[in-house]
Protein backbone atom coordinates (compact mmCIF):
# COMPACT_ATOMS: atom_id res chain seq x y z
CA ALA A 1 85.14 89.89 89.71
CA SER A 2 85.90 93.58 89.81
CA ASP A 3 89.09 95.09 91.29
CA SER A 4 86.97 96.86 94.00
CA GLY A 5 84.68 95.21 96.39
CA THR A 6 85.24 93.25 99.51
CA ILE A 7 87.33 90.12 99.45
CA ASP A 8 85.58 86.70 99.66
CA GLN A 9 86.36 83.02 99.81
CA LEU A 10 87.34 82.85 96.22
CA CYS A 11 89.91 85.66 96.56
CA ARG A 12 91.61 83.89 99.39
CA LEU A 13 91.61 80.57 97.63
CA LYS A 14 93.09 82.04 94.47
CA MET A 15 95.81 83.89 96.34
CA ALA A 16 96.73 80.81 98.45
CA GLN A 17 96.95 78.76 95.23
CA TRP A 18 99.03 81.44 93.60
CA CYS A 19 101.35 81.42 96.62
CA PHE A 20 101.81 77.69 96.47
CA ASN A 21 102.53 77.83 92.71
CA VAL A 22 105.28 80.42 93.33
CA ILE A 23 106.77 78.51 96.21
CA ASP A 24 106.71 75.21 94.28
CA PHE A 25 108.29 76.88 91.27
CA ILE A 26 111.10 78.36 93.32
CA GLU A 27 111.37 75.12 95.29
CA PHE A 28 110.96 76.69 98.75
CA ARG A 29 109.29 75.04 101.72
CA ARG A 30 105.46 74.98 101.46
CA GLU A 31 105.23 75.99 105.01
CA THR A 32 106.32 79.44 103.92
CA VAL A 33 102.86 79.86 102.38
CA SER A 34 101.27 79.22 105.77
CA ILE A 35 103.54 81.83 107.24
CA ALA A 36 102.57 84.34 104.57
CA MET A 37 98.87 83.65 105.03
CA SER A 38 99.26 84.07 108.82
CA TYR A 39 100.78 87.46 108.19
CA LEU A 40 97.96 88.35 105.89
CA ASP A 41 95.23 87.14 108.23
CA ARG A 42 96.70 88.89 111.26
CA PHE A 43 97.15 92.04 109.23
CA LEU A 44 93.52 92.00 108.10
CA CYS A 45 92.41 91.52 111.69
CA SER A 46 94.62 94.43 112.97
CA GLY A 47 92.16 97.18 112.48
CA SER A 48 94.77 99.43 110.80
CA PRO A 49 93.48 101.86 108.20
CA ARG A 50 95.46 100.07 105.49
CA ALA A 51 94.02 96.70 106.50
CA GLU A 52 90.53 98.16 106.09
CA GLN A 53 91.42 99.34 102.57
CA VAL A 54 92.71 95.85 101.77
CA ILE A 55 89.60 94.20 103.05
CA ASN A 56 87.50 96.38 100.74
CA CYS A 57 89.51 96.18 97.55
CA ARG A 58 90.50 93.06 95.78
CA LYS A 59 93.40 94.78 94.03
CA GLU A 60 94.82 95.80 97.37
CA TYR A 61 94.18 92.25 98.74
CA GLN A 62 96.22 90.87 95.89
CA LEU A 63 99.04 93.27 96.66
CA ALA A 64 98.98 92.44 100.40
CA SER A 65 98.96 88.67 99.61
CA MET A 66 101.94 89.02 97.37
CA ALA A 67 103.70 91.30 99.84
CA THR A 68 103.24 88.90 102.73
CA LEU A 69 104.58 86.02 100.66
CA PHE A 70 107.63 88.15 99.92
CA MET A 71 108.02 88.85 103.57
CA ALA A 72 107.72 85.23 104.53
CA ILE A 73 110.37 84.26 101.93
CA LYS A 74 112.73 87.00 103.14
CA ILE A 75 112.45 85.89 106.78
CA ASN A 76 112.27 82.10 106.42
CA GLU A 77 114.01 81.00 103.23
CA PRO A 78 117.75 80.87 102.46
CA VAL A 79 117.49 82.91 99.30
CA ILE A 80 115.89 86.33 99.01
CA VAL A 81 113.54 87.03 96.16
CA ASP A 82 114.04 90.49 94.68
CA VAL A 83 111.17 92.84 94.89
CA THR A 84 111.47 93.58 91.20
CA MET A 85 110.71 90.01 90.52
CA LEU A 86 107.38 90.46 92.41
CA ALA A 87 106.65 93.50 90.34
CA ASP A 88 107.32 91.35 87.22
CA LEU A 89 105.05 88.55 88.58
CA SER A 90 102.25 91.15 88.98
CA LYS A 91 102.55 91.83 85.23
CA GLY A 92 103.10 95.55 85.93
CA LEU A 93 100.05 95.94 88.18
CA TYR A 94 102.28 96.87 91.12
CA THR A 95 105.68 98.51 91.38
CA PRO A 96 108.53 97.72 93.79
CA LYS A 97 107.55 100.82 95.68
CA ASP A 98 103.98 99.39 96.16
CA PHE A 99 105.39 96.23 97.60
CA ARG A 100 107.79 98.04 99.91
CA GLN A 101 104.99 100.27 101.18
CA MET A 102 102.70 97.37 101.80
CA GLU A 103 105.44 95.49 103.59
CA ILE A 104 105.89 98.46 105.95
CA ASP A 105 102.21 98.73 106.51
CA VAL A 106 101.94 95.03 107.38
CA LEU A 107 104.95 95.09 109.67
CA PHE A 108 103.63 98.05 111.67
CA ALA A 109 100.11 96.56 111.85
CA LEU A 110 101.68 93.37 113.21
CA ASN A 111 103.91 95.31 115.59
CA TRP A 112 106.82 93.54 113.93
CA ARG A 113 105.66 90.15 115.28
CA VAL A 114 106.59 87.91 112.39
CA ASN A 115 108.06 84.82 113.99
CA GLY A 116 105.14 82.99 115.49
CA PRO A 117 104.69 79.27 115.33
CA THR A 118 103.00 77.63 112.32
CA ALA A 119 100.44 74.87 112.31
CA GLN A 120 103.14 72.71 110.77
CA SER A 121 105.49 73.30 113.68
CA PHE A 122 102.66 72.43 116.15
CA VAL A 123 102.02 69.17 114.26
CA ALA A 124 105.73 68.26 114.55
CA TYR A 125 105.75 68.93 118.32
CA LEU A 126 102.45 67.24 118.98
CA LEU A 127 103.47 64.08 117.03
CA THR A 128 106.76 63.98 118.93
CA LEU A 129 104.70 63.95 122.14
CA MET A 130 102.44 61.27 120.82
CA GLN A 131 105.38 59.11 119.92
CA GLN A 132 106.78 59.44 123.45
CA GLN A 133 103.35 58.55 124.91
CA MET A 134 102.88 55.56 122.59
CA PRO A 135 106.24 54.09 122.04
CA ASN A 136 104.74 50.86 120.57
CA ARG A 137 103.03 52.62 117.77
CA PRO A 138 104.76 51.91 114.46
CA VAL A 139 106.88 54.84 113.22
CA HIS A 140 105.29 54.51 109.69
CA ASP A 141 101.84 55.16 111.30
CA LEU A 142 103.16 58.46 112.67
CA GLN A 143 104.86 59.37 109.41
CA LYS A 144 101.56 58.69 107.60
CA ILE A 145 99.64 60.97 110.12
CA LEU A 146 102.40 63.62 109.67
CA ASP A 147 102.12 63.55 105.89
CA GLN A 148 98.33 63.69 105.94
CA ALA A 149 98.26 66.43 108.58
CA MET A 150 100.70 68.56 106.59
CA TYR A 151 98.53 68.14 103.55
CA GLN A 152 95.36 69.21 105.48
CA ILE A 153 97.20 72.23 106.81
CA GLU A 154 98.13 73.27 103.22
CA LEU A 155 94.47 72.94 102.27
CA SER A 156 93.52 75.13 105.23
CA ALA A 157 95.70 77.96 103.98
CA GLY A 158 93.15 78.64 101.34
CA ASP A 159 90.06 78.11 103.57
CA TYR A 160 88.35 81.45 104.27
CA GLU A 161 86.42 79.92 107.20
CA LEU A 162 89.66 78.98 108.98
CA MET A 163 91.55 82.28 108.67
CA THR A 164 90.83 83.33 112.27
CA GLN A 165 91.83 79.97 113.82
CA LYS A 166 95.10 79.64 115.77
CA PRO A 167 97.77 77.49 114.33
CA SER A 168 97.60 75.20 117.33
CA VAL A 169 93.85 74.60 116.72
CA ILE A 170 94.44 73.82 112.98
CA ALA A 171 97.33 71.49 113.93
CA THR A 172 95.25 69.63 116.56
CA ALA A 173 92.27 69.31 114.24
CA SER A 174 94.48 68.01 111.46
CA ILE A 175 96.04 65.38 113.63
CA LEU A 176 92.71 64.30 115.11
CA ASN A 177 91.31 64.01 111.50
CA CYS A 178 94.27 61.82 110.49
CA VAL A 179 94.17 59.63 113.54
CA GLU A 180 90.46 59.10 113.04
CA GLN A 181 91.08 58.23 109.32
CA THR A 182 93.93 55.91 110.22
CA SER A 183 91.88 54.12 112.93
CA ALA A 184 88.96 53.75 110.49
CA ALA A 185 91.21 52.29 107.87
CA ILE A 186 92.57 49.71 110.36
CA SER A 187 89.16 48.62 111.63
């Protein structure tokens, strides 16, 4: 794959996997990747001139993906990752200045709206409601549904087809899939 050219499903999958690898290595919450991918998706849909550049250049897409992960870590994790570490992770492809500029471009394209709910938070709320509506359902069933739904949400982070779906839709679909699987296993 060349550095230029529009992004595709493989680009998204590779960057989502890379983000999970970084998060797992640093031992941060995996939800941070969903937050980063949300920033990235919303940025790409913003119509800003920089977003158009990113859509049409794989090298720019990689930079935007890395920058949104950096932003998600800064906002949601207890430890801040230094931008020079990102430059090192890019193996010299990008400078700290490149990351800072991309971060500014993303923030302005998002109108600084960086604290929206994630699919994971919707799952937690929806399962709490389910538990209140079905008090006789064993807690371990709900825990199993929670674990499976969280896993499905992580998989959705790399799915190009789901990038325009709202977090609430992804959460609801994940829960419904898990309830269906659980019910089929019991039958």
